Amino acid sequence: MKRTIPLIITFVTGAILIVAVFIPRDPFNELDNRFSIFYDVIACFAFILGGGNLLKVHINKVQNKRRDWQYSIVTISGFTLMLAAGLLKIGVPGGWSGDYQGDGSLFKYLYDATFQPLQSTMFSLLAFFVASASYRAFRAKTKEATILLVAAFIILARPTPLGYYLTFWLPEWLRFLHIPNLSTWLMSVPNMAGQRAIMIGIALGIISTSLRLILGIERSYLGSEGD
């Protein structure tokens, strides 16, 4: 029974939302908005469970002195500090009625002075990983890799002076071969076609997965049989 009831709830909810899309009439037209409110409520509980699980995992790691447990102390400290700054509205102009993200609040200060610089640092480091991965992926060992390498060079050269000087000497009737124009064409035609193909594939995957969930074929979210 404990597995049957969730299956029934999933089927009824999914069926109602599908009907609401194809029959935009009362009482179905408002169901999508109403269910969105329920999803937000569930998400709030999910955030609480996620935060509790985060603290549980890292506190357990610190207590058992597992590998790199010092980083868990940093994680716990940062989590609790930001949580307290937001929930207690420390330094918020206007007190409890003010905006916790307003100027002068501790939350905004920590975000601007800590989170944003760390985020920028992470993205700057990612550039080196992207460069090394690109070098390995773009080595012209095959025809496909060669095409990818040429396209990547054209895209990367577009915003630089090199992209202009390499092709500015071409005559007017070959203007479409200028790197800025060629880069625009690559982004608006082949790239757009690839993006649409990916989005169509994602949509079909979502549809098939949703149908498996609604019809009870996919039951992994219920846990194992012994749970």
Protein backbone atom coordinates (compact mmCIF):
# COMPACT_ATOMS: atom_id res chain seq x y z
CA MET A 1 0.00 0.00 0.00
CA LYS A 2 2.84 2.38 0.80
CA ARG A 3 4.02 2.01 -2.80
CA THR A 4 0.56 1.98 -4.38
CA ILE A 5 -0.58 5.32 -2.96
CA PRO A 6 2.43 7.29 -4.33
CA LEU A 7 1.87 5.66 -7.73
CA ILE A 8 -1.78 6.72 -7.70
CA ILE A 9 -0.87 10.27 -6.66
CA THR A 10 1.74 10.46 -9.43
CA PHE A 11 -0.67 9.17 -12.06
CA VAL A 12 -3.54 11.48 -11.06
CA THR A 13 -1.30 14.56 -10.82
CA GLY A 14 0.42 13.88 -14.15
CA ALA A 15 -2.86 13.15 -15.91
CA ILE A 16 -4.48 16.34 -14.57
CA LEU A 17 -1.57 18.50 -15.72
CA ILE A 18 -1.62 16.93 -19.19
CA VAL A 19 -5.36 17.58 -19.44
CA ALA A 20 -4.85 21.16 -18.23
CA VAL A 21 -2.49 21.81 -21.15
CA PHE A 22 -4.81 20.45 -23.83
CA ILE A 23 -8.08 21.72 -22.31
CA PRO A 24 -7.52 25.37 -21.29
CA ARG A 25 -11.02 25.73 -19.87
CA ASP A 26 -12.42 25.89 -16.35
CA PRO A 27 -11.64 24.19 -14.06
CA PHE A 28 -8.45 23.00 -15.79
CA ASN A 29 -6.94 26.33 -16.85
CA GLU A 30 -5.98 27.29 -13.27
CA LEU A 31 -4.70 23.89 -12.23
CA ASP A 32 -1.19 24.52 -13.58
CA ASN A 33 -0.81 27.64 -11.42
CA ARG A 34 -2.27 25.92 -8.37
CA PHE A 35 0.06 22.96 -8.70
CA SER A 36 3.00 25.34 -9.12
CA ILE A 37 2.22 26.71 -5.66
CA PHE A 38 2.21 23.17 -4.26
CA TYR A 39 5.56 22.52 -5.94
CA ASP A 40 7.02 25.63 -4.28
CA VAL A 41 5.83 24.41 -0.89
CA ILE A 42 7.40 20.99 -1.47
CA ALA A 43 10.60 22.68 -2.65
CA CYS A 44 10.81 24.57 0.65
CA PHE A 45 10.80 21.28 2.53
CA ALA A 46 13.37 19.92 0.07
CA PHE A 47 15.67 22.86 0.84
CA ILE A 48 15.34 22.14 4.55
CA LEU A 49 16.10 18.46 4.04
CA GLY A 50 19.02 19.33 1.75
CA GLY A 51 20.53 21.72 4.28
CA GLY A 52 20.07 19.22 7.09
CA ASN A 53 21.70 16.50 5.02
CA LEU A 54 24.61 18.83 4.21
CA LEU A 55 25.23 19.51 7.89
CA LYS A 56 24.85 15.84 8.79
CA VAL A 57 27.36 14.65 6.20
CA HIS A 58 30.02 17.24 6.99
CA ILE A 59 29.61 17.10 10.77
CA ASN A 60 30.02 13.33 10.57
CA LYS A 61 33.12 13.84 8.44
CA VAL A 62 34.64 16.23 10.98
CA GLN A 63 33.82 13.96 13.92
CA ASN A 64 35.44 10.94 12.28
CA LYS A 65 38.43 12.99 11.04
CA ARG A 66 38.05 11.68 7.52
CA ARG A 67 40.24 12.81 4.65
CA ASP A 68 40.14 16.59 4.05
CA TRP A 69 37.84 17.07 7.05
CA GLN A 70 39.21 20.62 7.44
CA TYR A 71 37.31 21.66 4.32
CA SER A 72 34.11 20.42 5.95
CA ILE A 73 34.65 22.93 8.75
CA VAL A 74 34.84 25.71 6.15
CA THR A 75 31.65 24.40 4.50
CA ILE A 76 29.74 24.22 7.78
CA SER A 77 30.94 27.66 8.87
CA GLY A 78 30.02 29.28 5.57
CA PHE A 79 26.62 27.59 5.46
CA THR A 80 25.63 28.51 9.01
CA LEU A 81 26.94 32.08 8.69
CA MET A 82 25.04 32.80 5.46
CA LEU A 83 21.93 31.09 6.82
CA ALA A 84 22.03 33.15 10.01
CA ALA A 85 22.68 36.37 8.10
CA GLY A 86 19.63 35.75 5.93
CA LEU A 87 17.20 34.33 8.49
CA LEU A 88 18.03 36.75 11.29
CA LYS A 89 18.39 39.69 8.88
CA ILE A 90 21.57 40.84 10.55
CA GLY A 91 22.36 44.47 9.70
CA VAL A 92 19.30 44.80 7.45
CA PRO A 93 18.10 48.43 7.17
CA GLY A 94 14.56 48.51 8.50
CA GLY A 95 14.93 45.46 10.72
CA TRP A 96 12.63 42.50 10.17
CA SER A 97 10.56 44.39 7.62
CA GLY A 98 13.59 45.21 5.47
CA ASP A 99 15.12 43.32 2.58
CA TYR A 100 17.86 40.90 3.64
CA GLN A 101 19.59 41.59 0.30
CA GLY A 102 19.50 45.35 0.81
CA ASP A 103 22.58 47.54 1.02
CA GLY A 104 24.22 47.39 4.43
CA SER A 105 22.98 43.91 5.33
CA LEU A 106 25.46 41.25 6.41
CA PHE A 107 24.05 38.85 3.83
CA LYS A 108 24.74 41.23 0.94
CA TYR A 109 28.19 42.03 2.29
CA LEU A 110 29.13 38.36 2.55
CA TYR A 111 27.71 37.70 -0.91
CA ASP A 112 29.54 40.60 -2.57
CA ALA A 113 32.81 40.25 -0.65
CA THR A 114 33.06 36.45 -0.48
CA PHE A 115 30.79 34.53 -2.81
CA GLN A 116 31.23 36.62 -5.95
CA PRO A 117 35.07 36.70 -5.77
CA LEU A 118 35.14 32.94 -5.15
CA GLN A 119 32.76 32.40 -8.05
CA SER A 120 34.91 34.55 -10.33
CA THR A 121 37.98 32.58 -9.24
CA MET A 122 36.29 29.28 -10.05
CA PHE A 123 35.26 30.47 -13.50
CA SER A 124 38.75 31.78 -14.19
CA LEU A 125 40.20 28.39 -13.27
CA LEU A 126 37.66 26.67 -15.49
CA ALA A 127 39.12 28.55 -18.45
CA PHE A 128 42.36 26.57 -18.11
CA PHE A 129 40.47 23.27 -17.90
CA VAL A 130 38.45 24.23 -20.98
CA ALA A 131 41.64 25.11 -22.83
CA SER A 132 43.30 21.80 -21.99
CA ALA A 133 40.16 19.83 -22.84
CA SER A 134 39.82 21.72 -26.12
CA TYR A 135 43.42 20.90 -27.02
CA ARG A 136 42.75 17.19 -26.53
CA ALA A 137 39.41 17.25 -28.32
CA PHE A 138 40.38 19.45 -31.26
CA ARG A 139 43.50 17.61 -32.36
CA ALA A 140 42.95 17.11 -36.08
CA LYS A 141 43.20 13.34 -36.21
CA THR A 142 39.94 12.90 -38.15
CA LYS A 143 37.91 14.94 -40.60
CA GLU A 144 35.30 15.69 -37.94
CA ALA A 145 37.95 16.89 -35.49
CA THR A 146 39.47 19.10 -38.20
CA ILE A 147 36.10 20.73 -38.93
CA LEU A 148 35.58 21.28 -35.22
CA LEU A 149 39.04 22.78 -34.87
CA VAL A 150 38.53 25.20 -37.77
CA ALA A 151 35.10 26.25 -36.52
CA ALA A 152 36.43 26.82 -33.01
CA PHE A 153 39.31 28.92 -34.34
CA ILE A 154 36.92 31.10 -36.35
CA ILE A 155 34.61 31.62 -33.36
CA LEU A 156 37.49 32.45 -31.00
CA ALA A 157 39.20 34.75 -33.50
CA ARG A 158 36.09 36.83 -34.19
CA PRO A 159 36.34 39.30 -31.26
CA THR A 160 40.10 39.74 -31.63
CA PRO A 161 42.12 41.97 -34.00
CA LEU A 162 43.58 38.78 -35.46
CA GLY A 163 40.17 37.81 -36.81
CA TYR A 164 39.98 41.06 -38.77
CA TYR A 165 43.52 41.15 -40.09
CA LEU A 166 43.44 37.57 -41.36
CA THR A 167 40.64 38.23 -43.85
CA PHE A 168 40.28 42.00 -44.32
CA TRP A 169 42.22 41.81 -47.60
CA LEU A 170 39.64 39.57 -49.27
CA PRO A 171 37.66 41.28 -52.10
CA GLU A 172 34.10 42.44 -51.66
CA TRP A 173 32.61 39.47 -53.52
CA LEU A 174 34.25 37.19 -50.92
CA ARG A 175 32.93 39.23 -48.01
CA PHE A 176 31.11 36.21 -46.63
CA LEU A 177 34.52 34.63 -45.92
CA HIS A 178 35.54 37.43 -43.58
CA ILE A 179 36.00 35.85 -40.18
CA PRO A 180 33.42 38.12 -38.42
CA ASN A 181 30.79 37.27 -41.06
CA LEU A 182 31.75 33.61 -41.15
CA SER A 183 31.57 33.43 -37.38
CA THR A 184 28.08 34.96 -37.39
CA TRP A 185 26.97 32.39 -39.97
CA LEU A 186 28.40 29.51 -37.94
CA MET A 187 26.58 30.66 -34.81
CA SER A 188 23.24 31.37 -36.52
CA VAL A 189 23.00 28.37 -38.89
CA PRO A 190 24.99 25.21 -37.98
CA ASN A 191 25.10 26.01 -34.27
CA MET A 192 21.41 26.86 -34.14
CA ALA A 193 20.54 23.66 -36.00
CA GLY A 194 22.55 21.64 -33.51
CA GLN A 195 20.92 23.40 -30.56
CA ARG A 196 17.44 22.74 -31.93
CA ALA A 197 18.27 19.07 -32.49
CA ILE A 198 19.50 18.81 -28.90
CA MET A 199 16.40 20.56 -27.56
CA ILE A 200 14.13 18.26 -29.57
CA GLY A 201 16.00 15.25 -28.18
CA ILE A 202 15.69 16.61 -24.64
CA ALA A 203 11.95 17.20 -25.15
CA LEU A 204 11.44 13.64 -26.38
CA GLY A 205 13.43 12.33 -23.42
CA ILE A 206 11.31 14.36 -20.98
CA ILE A 207 8.12 13.07 -22.60
CA SER A 208 9.21 9.44 -22.44
CA THR A 209 10.43 9.76 -18.84
CA SER A 210 7.23 11.55 -17.79
CA LEU A 211 5.08 8.83 -19.34
CA ARG A 212 7.11 6.15 -17.58
CA LEU A 213 6.57 7.95 -14.26
CA ILE A 214 2.86 8.60 -14.81
CA LEU A 215 2.15 5.02 -15.91
CA GLY A 216 4.16 3.55 -13.03
CA ILE A 217 6.80 1.92 -15.22
CA GLU A 218 9.61 3.95 -13.66
CA ARG A 219 9.54 3.47 -9.89
CA SER A 220 13.07 4.33 -8.82
CA TYR A 221 11.83 7.38 -6.89
CA LEU A 222 9.99 5.00 -4.54
CA GLY A 223 13.20 3.33 -3.40
CA SER A 224 13.89 -0.37 -3.33
CA GLU A 225 11.29 -3.00 -2.57
CA GLY A 226 12.64 -3.50 0.93
CA ASP A 227 12.44 0.18 1.94
